[in-house]
N, C-alpha and C. Protein backbone atom coordinates (compact mmCIF):
# COMPACT_ATOMS: atom_id res chain seq x y z
N MET A 1 17.27 60.01 -4.33
CA MET A 1 17.47 61.05 -3.36
C MET A 1 17.66 60.45 -1.97
N LYS A 2 16.96 59.32 -1.71
CA LYS A 2 17.06 58.67 -0.40
C LYS A 2 18.49 58.20 -0.14
N PHE A 3 19.14 57.65 -1.17
CA PHE A 3 20.51 57.17 -1.00
C PHE A 3 21.48 58.31 -0.72
N ILE A 4 21.26 59.43 -1.36
CA ILE A 4 22.13 60.60 -1.13
C ILE A 4 21.98 61.08 0.31
N ARG A 5 20.75 61.13 0.80
CA ARG A 5 20.52 61.56 2.19
C ARG A 5 21.17 60.57 3.17
N GLN A 6 21.02 59.27 2.91
CA GLN A 6 21.62 58.27 3.77
C GLN A 6 23.16 58.36 3.74
N PHE A 7 23.70 58.54 2.55
CA PHE A 7 25.15 58.66 2.42
C PHE A 7 25.65 59.91 3.13
N LEU A 8 24.92 61.00 3.05
CA LEU A 8 25.31 62.23 3.74
C LEU A 8 25.29 62.06 5.26
N ILE A 9 24.35 61.29 5.77
CA ILE A 9 24.32 61.01 7.21
C ILE A 9 25.57 60.24 7.61
N ILE A 10 25.89 59.20 6.86
CA ILE A 10 27.06 58.38 7.17
C ILE A 10 28.34 59.20 7.07
N ILE A 11 28.47 59.99 6.01
CA ILE A 11 29.67 60.81 5.82
C ILE A 11 29.76 61.88 6.91
N SER A 12 28.64 62.45 7.30
CA SER A 12 28.65 63.48 8.35
C SER A 12 29.13 62.91 9.68
N ILE A 13 28.63 61.74 10.04
CA ILE A 13 29.07 61.09 11.28
C ILE A 13 30.56 60.76 11.18
N SER A 14 30.99 60.29 10.03
CA SER A 14 32.42 59.98 9.84
C SER A 14 33.27 61.23 9.96
N LEU A 15 32.80 62.33 9.39
CA LEU A 15 33.54 63.59 9.45
C LEU A 15 33.65 64.08 10.90
N ILE A 16 32.55 64.00 11.64
CA ILE A 16 32.58 64.40 13.05
C ILE A 16 33.59 63.54 13.81
N GLY A 17 33.60 62.24 13.52
CA GLY A 17 34.57 61.34 14.16
C GLY A 17 36.00 61.71 13.83
N GLU A 18 36.26 62.06 12.57
CA GLU A 18 37.61 62.46 12.17
C GLU A 18 38.03 63.75 12.86
N VAL A 19 37.10 64.70 12.98
CA VAL A 19 37.40 65.96 13.68
C VAL A 19 37.71 65.67 15.15
N MET A 20 36.91 64.79 15.76
CA MET A 20 37.16 64.41 17.15
C MET A 20 38.54 63.76 17.28
N GLY A 21 38.89 62.89 16.34
CA GLY A 21 40.20 62.23 16.37
C GLY A 21 41.34 63.21 16.26
N HIS A 22 41.09 64.31 15.56
CA HIS A 22 42.12 65.33 15.40
C HIS A 22 42.32 66.14 16.68
N PHE A 23 41.24 66.42 17.40
CA PHE A 23 41.30 67.29 18.56
C PHE A 23 41.48 66.56 19.89
N ILE A 24 41.04 65.31 19.97
CA ILE A 24 41.17 64.56 21.23
C ILE A 24 42.58 63.95 21.26
N PRO A 25 43.36 64.24 22.31
CA PRO A 25 44.75 63.79 22.33
C PRO A 25 44.92 62.33 22.78
N LEU A 26 44.19 61.44 22.16
CA LEU A 26 44.34 60.01 22.43
C LEU A 26 44.77 59.32 21.14
N PRO A 27 45.49 58.21 21.25
CA PRO A 27 45.93 57.52 20.02
C PRO A 27 44.84 56.64 19.42
N ILE A 28 43.66 57.24 19.20
CA ILE A 28 42.53 56.52 18.63
C ILE A 28 42.19 57.18 17.29
N PRO A 29 42.11 56.38 16.22
CA PRO A 29 41.78 56.97 14.92
C PRO A 29 40.39 57.59 14.90
N GLY A 30 40.23 58.60 14.08
CA GLY A 30 38.96 59.27 13.95
C GLY A 30 37.85 58.35 13.46
N SER A 31 38.20 57.35 12.68
CA SER A 31 37.18 56.43 12.18
C SER A 31 36.54 55.64 13.33
N ILE A 32 37.31 55.36 14.36
CA ILE A 32 36.75 54.66 15.52
C ILE A 32 35.77 55.56 16.25
N TYR A 33 36.12 56.83 16.40
CA TYR A 33 35.17 57.78 16.99
C TYR A 33 33.88 57.84 16.17
N GLY A 34 34.03 57.82 14.86
CA GLY A 34 32.86 57.85 13.98
C GLY A 34 31.98 56.62 14.18
N LEU A 35 32.61 55.44 14.30
CA LEU A 35 31.84 54.22 14.53
C LEU A 35 31.10 54.28 15.87
N ILE A 36 31.78 54.79 16.89
CA ILE A 36 31.15 54.92 18.21
C ILE A 36 29.99 55.90 18.14
N LEU A 37 30.20 57.02 17.47
CA LEU A 37 29.11 58.00 17.32
C LEU A 37 27.92 57.40 16.57
N MET A 38 28.19 56.66 15.51
CA MET A 38 27.11 56.03 14.75
C MET A 38 26.37 55.03 15.63
N PHE A 39 27.11 54.24 16.41
CA PHE A 39 26.48 53.28 17.30
C PHE A 39 25.54 53.98 18.28
N PHE A 40 26.04 55.03 18.93
CA PHE A 40 25.20 55.73 19.91
C PHE A 40 24.03 56.46 19.24
N ALA A 41 24.25 56.99 18.06
CA ALA A 41 23.15 57.67 17.35
C ALA A 41 22.04 56.68 17.02
N LEU A 42 22.42 55.46 16.62
CA LEU A 42 21.40 54.45 16.33
C LEU A 42 20.80 53.89 17.62
N GLN A 43 21.64 53.70 18.62
CA GLN A 43 21.16 53.14 19.89
C GLN A 43 20.16 54.06 20.57
N PHE A 44 20.46 55.36 20.58
CA PHE A 44 19.58 56.32 21.24
C PHE A 44 18.58 56.95 20.29
N LYS A 45 18.45 56.36 19.10
CA LYS A 45 17.45 56.74 18.11
C LYS A 45 17.49 58.22 17.74
N VAL A 46 18.74 58.72 17.58
CA VAL A 46 18.90 60.08 17.04
C VAL A 46 18.31 60.09 15.64
N PHE A 47 18.53 59.01 14.92
CA PHE A 47 17.84 58.76 13.65
C PHE A 47 17.60 57.25 13.58
N PRO A 48 16.55 56.83 12.90
CA PRO A 48 16.23 55.39 12.86
C PRO A 48 17.20 54.63 11.96
N LEU A 49 17.25 53.34 12.15
CA LEU A 49 18.11 52.48 11.33
C LEU A 49 17.76 52.61 9.86
N ASP A 50 16.50 52.79 9.55
CA ASP A 50 16.08 52.93 8.15
C ASP A 50 16.69 54.16 7.48
N ALA A 51 17.17 55.11 8.28
CA ALA A 51 17.76 56.32 7.72
C ALA A 51 19.12 56.06 7.08
N VAL A 52 19.74 54.90 7.37
CA VAL A 52 21.04 54.59 6.78
C VAL A 52 21.14 53.14 6.28
N LYS A 53 20.08 52.37 6.39
CA LYS A 53 20.13 50.93 6.13
C LYS A 53 20.54 50.56 4.71
N GLU A 54 19.87 51.11 3.71
CA GLU A 54 20.14 50.72 2.33
C GLU A 54 21.56 51.09 1.90
N THR A 55 21.98 52.30 2.22
CA THR A 55 23.32 52.74 1.84
C THR A 55 24.38 51.96 2.60
N SER A 56 24.12 51.64 3.86
CA SER A 56 25.06 50.84 4.64
C SER A 56 25.22 49.46 4.03
N LYS A 57 24.11 48.86 3.63
CA LYS A 57 24.17 47.54 2.98
C LYS A 57 24.96 47.62 1.68
N PHE A 58 24.73 48.67 0.91
CA PHE A 58 25.48 48.84 -0.34
C PHE A 58 26.97 48.97 -0.06
N LEU A 59 27.34 49.77 0.93
CA LEU A 59 28.76 49.96 1.25
C LEU A 59 29.40 48.67 1.73
N ILE A 60 28.67 47.87 2.48
CA ILE A 60 29.19 46.57 2.91
C ILE A 60 29.34 45.63 1.73
N ASP A 61 28.39 45.68 0.79
CA ASP A 61 28.46 44.82 -0.40
C ASP A 61 29.68 45.14 -1.27
N ILE A 62 30.07 46.40 -1.34
CA ILE A 62 31.21 46.76 -2.20
C ILE A 62 32.53 46.82 -1.42
N MET A 63 32.50 46.43 -0.15
CA MET A 63 33.70 46.50 0.68
C MET A 63 34.89 45.74 0.09
N PRO A 64 34.71 44.55 -0.49
CA PRO A 64 35.88 43.86 -1.06
C PRO A 64 36.62 44.69 -2.12
N ILE A 65 35.89 45.50 -2.85
CA ILE A 65 36.53 46.35 -3.86
C ILE A 65 37.47 47.36 -3.20
N MET A 66 37.14 47.77 -1.99
CA MET A 66 37.96 48.76 -1.28
C MET A 66 39.31 48.20 -0.87
N PHE A 67 39.46 46.87 -0.87
CA PHE A 67 40.73 46.26 -0.49
C PHE A 67 41.69 46.10 -1.67
N VAL A 68 41.24 46.39 -2.88
CA VAL A 68 42.10 46.24 -4.05
C VAL A 68 43.28 47.23 -4.03
N PRO A 69 43.06 48.53 -3.81
CA PRO A 69 44.22 49.44 -3.78
C PRO A 69 45.27 49.10 -2.72
N PRO A 70 44.88 48.78 -1.48
CA PRO A 70 45.92 48.37 -0.52
C PRO A 70 46.63 47.09 -0.94
N GLY A 71 45.89 46.17 -1.56
CA GLY A 71 46.51 44.94 -2.03
C GLY A 71 47.55 45.19 -3.11
N VAL A 72 47.25 46.11 -4.01
CA VAL A 72 48.21 46.48 -5.06
C VAL A 72 49.42 47.17 -4.43
N CYS A 73 49.17 47.99 -3.42
CA CYS A 73 50.27 48.69 -2.75
C CYS A 73 51.20 47.70 -2.06
N VAL A 74 50.64 46.62 -1.51
CA VAL A 74 51.48 45.60 -0.86
C VAL A 74 52.46 45.01 -1.87
N LEU A 75 52.02 44.85 -3.11
CA LEU A 75 52.90 44.29 -4.13
C LEU A 75 54.13 45.16 -4.38
N GLU A 76 54.01 46.46 -4.14
CA GLU A 76 55.14 47.35 -4.32
C GLU A 76 56.21 47.15 -3.24
N TYR A 77 55.84 46.55 -2.13
CA TYR A 77 56.76 46.36 -1.01
C TYR A 77 57.08 44.89 -0.76
N LEU A 78 57.07 44.08 -1.81
CA LEU A 78 57.36 42.66 -1.65
C LEU A 78 58.76 42.42 -1.10
N ASP A 79 59.73 43.27 -1.47
CA ASP A 79 61.09 43.09 -0.96
C ASP A 79 61.14 43.25 0.56
N VAL A 80 60.38 44.19 1.10
CA VAL A 80 60.32 44.38 2.55
C VAL A 80 59.62 43.19 3.19
N LEU A 81 58.53 42.73 2.57
CA LEU A 81 57.80 41.58 3.11
C LEU A 81 58.65 40.32 3.10
N LYS A 82 59.43 40.13 2.04
CA LYS A 82 60.30 38.95 1.97
C LYS A 82 61.37 38.99 3.04
N ALA A 83 61.86 40.16 3.37
CA ALA A 83 62.90 40.29 4.39
C ALA A 83 62.37 40.01 5.79
N HIS A 84 61.09 40.25 6.03
CA HIS A 84 60.51 40.11 7.37
C HIS A 84 59.35 39.13 7.41
N TRP A 85 59.32 38.15 6.50
CA TRP A 85 58.17 37.27 6.39
C TRP A 85 57.91 36.47 7.66
N TRP A 86 58.96 35.98 8.30
CA TRP A 86 58.76 35.14 9.49
C TRP A 86 58.19 35.95 10.65
N GLN A 87 58.56 37.23 10.74
CA GLN A 87 58.01 38.07 11.80
C GLN A 87 56.52 38.34 11.56
N ILE A 88 56.17 38.55 10.30
CA ILE A 88 54.77 38.79 9.94
C ILE A 88 53.93 37.55 10.24
N VAL A 89 54.44 36.38 9.89
CA VAL A 89 53.72 35.13 10.15
C VAL A 89 53.57 34.91 11.65
N LEU A 90 54.64 35.13 12.41
CA LEU A 90 54.59 34.94 13.85
C LEU A 90 53.58 35.88 14.50
N ILE A 91 53.62 37.14 14.13
CA ILE A 91 52.67 38.12 14.68
C ILE A 91 51.24 37.74 14.30
N SER A 92 51.04 37.28 13.08
CA SER A 92 49.69 36.89 12.64
C SER A 92 49.17 35.72 13.45
N ILE A 93 50.02 34.73 13.70
CA ILE A 93 49.60 33.56 14.47
C ILE A 93 49.29 33.94 15.91
N VAL A 94 50.20 34.68 16.55
CA VAL A 94 50.01 35.07 17.94
C VAL A 94 48.76 35.94 18.09
N SER A 95 48.59 36.92 17.22
CA SER A 95 47.43 37.81 17.34
C SER A 95 46.13 37.06 17.07
N THR A 96 46.14 36.08 16.19
CA THR A 96 44.95 35.27 15.94
C THR A 96 44.54 34.51 17.20
N PHE A 97 45.52 33.89 17.86
CA PHE A 97 45.21 33.16 19.09
C PHE A 97 44.75 34.10 20.20
N VAL A 98 45.36 35.27 20.32
CA VAL A 98 44.94 36.23 21.33
C VAL A 98 43.49 36.66 21.09
N VAL A 99 43.15 36.94 19.85
CA VAL A 99 41.78 37.34 19.52
C VAL A 99 40.81 36.19 19.82
N MET A 100 41.18 34.97 19.48
CA MET A 100 40.30 33.83 19.76
C MET A 100 40.09 33.65 21.25
N ILE A 101 41.14 33.77 22.05
CA ILE A 101 41.03 33.59 23.49
C ILE A 101 40.18 34.70 24.11
N VAL A 102 40.46 35.94 23.74
CA VAL A 102 39.71 37.07 24.29
C VAL A 102 38.24 36.97 23.88
N THR A 103 37.97 36.61 22.64
CA THR A 103 36.59 36.47 22.18
C THR A 103 35.87 35.38 22.97
N GLY A 104 36.53 34.26 23.19
CA GLY A 104 35.93 33.18 23.96
C GLY A 104 35.64 33.60 25.39
N LEU A 105 36.59 34.29 26.03
CA LEU A 105 36.39 34.74 27.41
C LEU A 105 35.26 35.76 27.51
N VAL A 106 35.21 36.69 26.57
CA VAL A 106 34.14 37.69 26.58
C VAL A 106 32.79 37.02 26.35
N THR A 107 32.74 36.07 25.44
CA THR A 107 31.50 35.35 25.17
C THR A 107 31.02 34.60 26.41
N GLN A 108 31.94 33.93 27.09
CA GLN A 108 31.57 33.22 28.32
C GLN A 108 31.07 34.19 29.38
N LEU A 109 31.73 35.34 29.50
CA LEU A 109 31.31 36.35 30.47
C LEU A 109 29.90 36.85 30.17
N VAL A 110 29.64 37.14 28.90
CA VAL A 110 28.31 37.62 28.50
C VAL A 110 27.27 36.55 28.76
N MET A 111 27.59 35.29 28.48
CA MET A 111 26.64 34.21 28.73
C MET A 111 26.34 34.07 30.22
N LYS A 112 27.36 34.21 31.08
CA LYS A 112 27.13 34.14 32.52
C LYS A 112 26.28 35.31 33.00
N ILE A 113 26.52 36.49 32.45
CA ILE A 113 25.72 37.66 32.83
C ILE A 113 24.27 37.48 32.42
N LYS A 114 24.04 36.92 31.22
CA LYS A 114 22.67 36.70 30.75
C LYS A 114 21.94 35.66 31.58
N GLU A 115 22.67 34.67 32.10
CA GLU A 115 22.05 33.63 32.93
C GLU A 115 21.53 34.19 34.25
N ARG A 116 22.18 35.22 34.77
CA ARG A 116 21.78 35.82 36.06
C ARG A 116 20.58 36.63 35.92
């Protein structure tokens, strides 16, 4: 019963986020709103971490399984991927370096703030 209650909390927050994504005229997916809501709910102790901990761990443990359907779908579009492979590789390399640089800069900024 505890897992069902925890799962219902997670699904409810996700549903509220999706509804917000539908009504707020910004190009932000509803799942992001749900993550932000969950963060603030845990941060401001709307419910304790123990209220979702076990189910969250289970969902993280089975996350690789969730990538199987998109992976199979990619196989259906191999002809498109073959036609644009160099663009995909270029974008992947550039975005990887951008993420690494931004992460490094943010980390340095946080470290400087903590030192003060």
